[in-house]
């Protein structure tokens, strides 16, 4: 039984072609991250209020689900830390 030779890992090379650089768009990346964070905050708020209203039916979604205030509060807390 012979041992197989160990191969060295191939070096990682970055493409410097113009086609690869054209696909990168910082504005789209930032917009995508902003949209996904905003949707995650809104979804978690909805889920939290919906689950809390299961235990306490007096809680209504209208009291807690104000999107501009939620997003502004998130930005303020995120900036503080």
Protein backbone atom coordinates (compact mmCIF):
# COMPACT_ATOMS: atom_id res chain seq x y z
CA UNK A 1 0.00 0.00 0.00
CA UNK A 2 1.57 3.27 -1.08
CA UNK A 3 0.79 6.63 0.41
CA UNK A 4 -0.56 9.28 -1.89
CA UNK A 5 1.54 12.40 -2.19
CA UNK A 6 0.27 15.48 -0.37
CA UNK A 7 -0.45 18.35 -2.72
CA UNK A 8 0.16 21.95 -1.77
CA UNK A 9 -2.91 24.21 -1.95
CA UNK A 10 -3.24 26.29 -5.03
CA UNK A 11 -2.61 30.01 -4.57
CA UNK A 12 -5.69 32.23 -4.57
CA UNK A 13 -5.58 34.79 -7.34
CA UNK A 14 -7.91 37.71 -7.78
CA UNK A 15 -9.17 38.55 -11.21
CA UNK A 16 -8.13 41.96 -12.45
CA UNK A 17 -10.22 41.83 -15.59
CA UNK A 18 -12.49 44.78 -16.37
CA UNK A 19 -15.49 42.46 -16.52
CA UNK A 20 -14.98 41.42 -12.89
CA UNK A 21 -14.56 45.02 -11.73
CA UNK A 22 -17.72 46.03 -13.59
CA UNK A 23 -19.87 43.64 -11.55
CA UNK A 24 -18.93 45.28 -8.23
CA UNK A 25 -21.24 48.15 -7.34
CA UNK A 26 -20.90 49.70 -3.85
CA UNK A 27 -24.19 51.59 -4.14
CA UNK A 28 -26.12 48.40 -4.89
CA UNK A 29 -24.36 46.58 -2.08
CA UNK A 30 -25.21 49.34 0.40
CA UNK A 31 -28.82 49.48 -0.79
CA UNK A 32 -29.12 45.70 -0.49
CA UNK A 33 -27.76 45.72 3.06
CA UNK A 34 -30.02 48.61 4.06
CA UNK A 35 -33.07 46.86 2.62
CA UNK A 36 -32.28 43.52 4.24
CA UNK A 37 -31.61 45.13 7.64
CA UNK A 38 -34.82 47.15 7.45
CA UNK A 39 -36.87 44.09 6.52
CA UNK A 40 -35.26 42.08 9.33
CA UNK A 41 -36.11 44.76 11.90
CA UNK A 42 -39.69 45.05 10.70
CA UNK A 43 -40.14 41.28 10.57
CA UNK A 44 -38.73 40.76 14.05
CA UNK A 45 -40.97 43.50 15.44
CA UNK A 46 -44.02 41.99 13.80
CA UNK A 47 -43.13 38.53 15.06
CA UNK A 48 -42.49 39.81 18.58
CA UNK A 49 -45.76 41.73 18.81
CA UNK A 50 -47.72 38.89 17.21
CA UNK A 51 -46.32 36.36 19.66
CA UNK A 52 -46.88 38.68 22.62
CA UNK A 53 -50.49 39.29 21.55
CA UNK A 54 -50.96 35.51 21.69
CA UNK A 55 -50.36 35.68 25.45
CA UNK A 56 -51.98 39.07 26.03
CA UNK A 57 -54.86 39.76 23.59
CA UNK A 58 -55.11 43.41 24.70
CA UNK A 59 -51.91 44.16 22.77
CA UNK A 60 -52.55 45.45 19.28
CA UNK A 61 -50.17 45.69 16.36
CA UNK A 62 -51.00 49.38 15.80
CA UNK A 63 -49.42 50.36 19.11
CA UNK A 64 -46.00 48.98 18.25
CA UNK A 65 -45.65 48.78 14.50
CA UNK A 66 -44.58 52.24 13.36
CA UNK A 67 -41.86 51.65 10.76
CA UNK A 68 -40.17 55.09 10.66
CA UNK A 69 -39.84 55.21 14.44
CA UNK A 70 -38.53 51.64 14.58
CA UNK A 71 -35.88 52.29 11.94
CA UNK A 72 -34.82 55.60 13.54
CA UNK A 73 -34.57 53.90 16.93
CA UNK A 74 -32.48 51.12 15.43
CA UNK A 75 -30.09 53.64 13.86
CA UNK A 76 -29.79 55.59 17.12
CA UNK A 77 -29.02 52.49 19.18
CA UNK A 78 -26.66 51.15 16.52
CA UNK A 79 -24.78 54.48 16.43
CA UNK A 80 -24.50 54.54 20.22
CA UNK A 81 -22.74 51.21 20.31
